[in-house]
């Protein structure tokens, strides 16, 4: 897996415009497109891409801790935002993109550092201008639920190139 190191590594608007959201996500999974830099910094990676469903696998480290030593809520939130919004992306038509309009996170229990988890996002609605998805973070070994979330994404048609 390669990560974008600068804006020059990210796909340009013409390339994005030429792909459906599913093609974009498949290209990221295969390595034809680089993984986003945030995934490297937060130690997670794209795991699976299906129609309306995406999973990421990740492991929070001590570097992701809050001042009390627990994993920062932003780690949960970023991972859930990624899997839920990318699930919506699999339904975005060619020539369009998405952006997160809002998301909600419910942390169920503390996630110990160095625990590998899988975050799964699944679309519950995809329309012309909005996509709605839900997600959850579970331990890959025990299935323990650590957090759930929901999102609404705005689907935006890019102007012709």
Protein backbone atom coordinates (compact mmCIF):
# COMPACT_ATOMS: atom_id res chain seq x y z
CA UNK A 1 0.00 0.00 0.00
CA UNK A 2 1.38 3.38 -0.96
CA UNK A 3 0.27 6.60 0.70
CA UNK A 4 -0.01 10.00 -0.93
CA UNK A 5 2.98 12.03 0.27
CA UNK A 6 1.94 15.35 -1.27
CA UNK A 7 -0.96 16.90 -3.16
CA UNK A 8 0.83 15.94 -6.38
CA UNK A 9 0.33 12.24 -5.49
CA UNK A 10 -3.45 12.60 -5.25
CA UNK A 11 -5.57 11.94 -8.35
CA UNK A 12 -6.40 15.05 -10.34
CA UNK A 13 -9.92 16.26 -11.03
CA UNK A 14 -9.90 14.83 -14.56
CA UNK A 15 -9.06 11.36 -13.25
CA UNK A 16 -11.66 11.60 -10.51
CA UNK A 17 -14.26 12.81 -13.03
CA UNK A 18 -13.55 9.79 -15.28
CA UNK A 19 -14.36 7.19 -12.61
CA UNK A 20 -17.45 6.09 -10.75
CA UNK A 21 -17.14 6.05 -6.97
CA UNK A 22 -16.93 2.26 -7.02
CA UNK A 23 -14.13 2.37 -9.62
CA UNK A 24 -12.33 4.94 -7.47
CA UNK A 25 -12.57 2.78 -4.35
CA UNK A 26 -11.51 -0.37 -6.25
CA UNK A 27 -8.48 1.53 -7.64
CA UNK A 28 -7.51 2.55 -4.10
CA UNK A 29 -7.87 -1.02 -2.86
CA UNK A 30 -5.72 -2.40 -5.71
CA UNK A 31 -3.04 0.27 -5.22
CA UNK A 32 -3.70 1.98 -8.57
CA UNK A 33 -4.56 5.05 -6.48
CA UNK A 34 -2.63 5.91 -3.32
CA UNK A 35 -4.16 5.58 0.12
CA UNK A 36 -5.00 8.88 1.82
CA UNK A 37 -2.28 10.29 4.07
CA UNK A 38 -4.57 10.33 7.12
CA UNK A 39 -4.75 6.52 7.03
CA UNK A 40 -0.99 6.30 7.53
CA UNK A 41 -0.96 8.77 10.40
CA UNK A 42 -3.81 7.00 12.20
CA UNK A 43 -2.60 3.47 11.34
CA UNK A 44 -5.51 2.07 9.38
CA UNK A 45 -5.92 0.67 5.88
CA UNK A 46 -8.63 -0.10 3.36
CA UNK A 47 -9.56 -3.76 3.64
CA UNK A 48 -12.59 -4.54 1.45
CA UNK A 49 -14.75 -2.74 -1.11
CA UNK A 50 -18.21 -3.98 -2.12
CA UNK A 51 -21.27 -2.26 -3.52
CA UNK A 52 -22.52 -0.14 -0.62
CA UNK A 53 -20.06 -1.61 1.90
CA UNK A 54 -16.45 -0.81 2.82
CA UNK A 55 -14.21 -2.04 5.64
CA UNK A 56 -10.98 -0.70 7.07
CA UNK A 57 -8.67 -2.50 9.48
CA UNK A 58 -6.61 -0.53 11.96
CA UNK A 59 -4.76 -0.54 15.24
CA UNK A 60 -4.66 2.51 17.51
CA UNK A 61 -1.28 3.16 19.09
CA UNK A 62 -0.20 5.05 22.20
CA UNK A 63 0.42 8.02 19.86
CA UNK A 64 -3.38 8.19 19.39
CA UNK A 65 -4.07 8.56 23.13
CA UNK A 66 -5.74 11.49 24.86
CA UNK A 67 -4.17 13.14 27.97
CA UNK A 68 -5.68 10.45 30.23
CA UNK A 69 -4.11 7.64 28.21
CA UNK A 70 -7.28 6.41 26.46
CA UNK A 71 -7.62 6.30 22.69
CA UNK A 72 -8.81 9.73 21.56
CA UNK A 73 -12.42 9.92 20.36
CA UNK A 74 -11.14 11.48 17.15
CA UNK A 75 -9.50 8.16 16.24
CA UNK A 76 -12.86 6.38 16.48
CA UNK A 77 -14.55 9.24 14.61
CA UNK A 78 -12.04 9.38 11.78
CA UNK A 79 -12.12 5.63 11.24
CA UNK A 80 -15.93 5.57 11.24
CA UNK A 81 -16.13 8.62 8.95
CA UNK A 82 -13.77 6.87 6.54
CA UNK A 83 -15.63 3.55 6.33
CA UNK A 84 -19.12 5.06 6.23
CA UNK A 85 -18.34 7.78 3.69
CA UNK A 86 -16.32 5.41 1.50
CA UNK A 87 -19.31 3.05 1.51
CA UNK A 88 -21.35 5.95 0.14
CA UNK A 89 -18.58 6.59 -2.41
CA UNK A 90 -19.18 3.11 -3.88
CA UNK A 91 -22.60 4.40 -5.00
CA UNK A 92 -21.48 7.78 -6.37
CA UNK A 93 -21.90 8.05 -10.16
CA UNK A 94 -19.11 8.85 -12.61
CA UNK A 95 -18.39 12.59 -12.66
CA UNK A 96 -19.42 13.14 -9.03
CA UNK A 97 -17.78 13.14 -5.60
CA UNK A 98 -19.04 13.14 -2.03
CA UNK A 99 -18.30 15.07 1.11
CA UNK A 100 -19.36 14.29 4.67
CA UNK A 101 -22.21 16.59 5.68
CA UNK A 102 -22.47 15.29 9.24
CA UNK A 103 -21.60 12.22 11.25
CA UNK A 104 -22.29 10.88 14.72
CA UNK A 105 -20.20 8.54 16.82
CA UNK A 106 -21.30 6.46 19.81
CA UNK A 107 -18.35 5.07 21.76
CA UNK A 108 -19.52 1.93 23.57
CA UNK A 109 -16.34 1.08 25.49
CA UNK A 110 -12.71 2.06 25.76
CA UNK A 111 -10.52 0.68 22.99
CA UNK A 112 -7.15 -0.46 24.35
CA UNK A 113 -4.07 0.64 22.41
CA UNK A 114 -2.62 -2.04 20.11
CA UNK A 115 -6.00 -3.74 19.62
CA UNK A 116 -6.66 -4.52 15.95
CA UNK A 117 -10.16 -3.53 14.88
CA UNK A 118 -12.27 -3.64 11.75
CA UNK A 119 -14.50 -0.71 10.89
CA UNK A 120 -17.37 -1.56 8.56
CA UNK A 121 -19.54 1.02 6.84
CA UNK A 122 -22.76 0.17 5.02
CA UNK A 123 -25.08 2.34 2.95
CA UNK A 124 -28.71 2.53 4.03
CA UNK A 125 -29.71 5.12 1.38
CA UNK A 126 -28.07 6.50 -1.74
CA UNK A 127 -29.83 9.06 -3.84
CA UNK A 128 -29.01 11.75 -6.36
CA UNK A 129 -27.78 14.29 -3.80
CA UNK A 130 -27.36 12.46 -0.49
CA UNK A 131 -26.07 9.20 0.86
CA UNK A 132 -26.69 7.81 4.35
CA UNK A 133 -24.64 5.08 5.99
CA UNK A 134 -24.03 3.45 9.34
CA UNK A 135 -20.90 1.87 10.72
CA UNK A 136 -19.33 0.00 13.58
CA UNK A 137 -15.90 -0.72 14.98
CA UNK A 138 -15.29 -4.26 16.29
CA UNK A 139 -12.24 -6.17 17.51
CA UNK A 140 -10.97 -8.45 14.74
CA UNK A 141 -10.27 -11.28 17.22
CA UNK A 142 -13.20 -11.21 19.66
CA UNK A 143 -15.91 -9.29 17.80
CA UNK A 144 -16.25 -6.88 20.74
CA UNK A 145 -18.15 -3.75 19.72
CA UNK A 146 -16.27 -0.53 20.50
CA UNK A 147 -18.24 2.12 18.61
CA UNK A 148 -21.08 2.74 16.20
CA UNK A 149 -21.79 5.66 13.92
CA UNK A 150 -23.99 7.15 11.26
CA UNK A 151 -23.37 9.67 8.50
CA UNK A 152 -25.05 11.80 5.89
CA UNK A 153 -22.96 12.60 2.82
CA UNK A 154 -23.60 15.19 0.17
CA UNK A 155 -23.13 13.93 -3.40
CA UNK A 156 -21.78 16.64 -5.70
CA UNK A 157 -21.62 16.59 -9.51
CA UNK A 158 -18.29 17.97 -10.69
CA UNK A 159 -18.44 20.68 -13.36
CA UNK A 160 -17.45 19.48 -16.83
CA UNK A 161 -13.68 19.51 -17.40
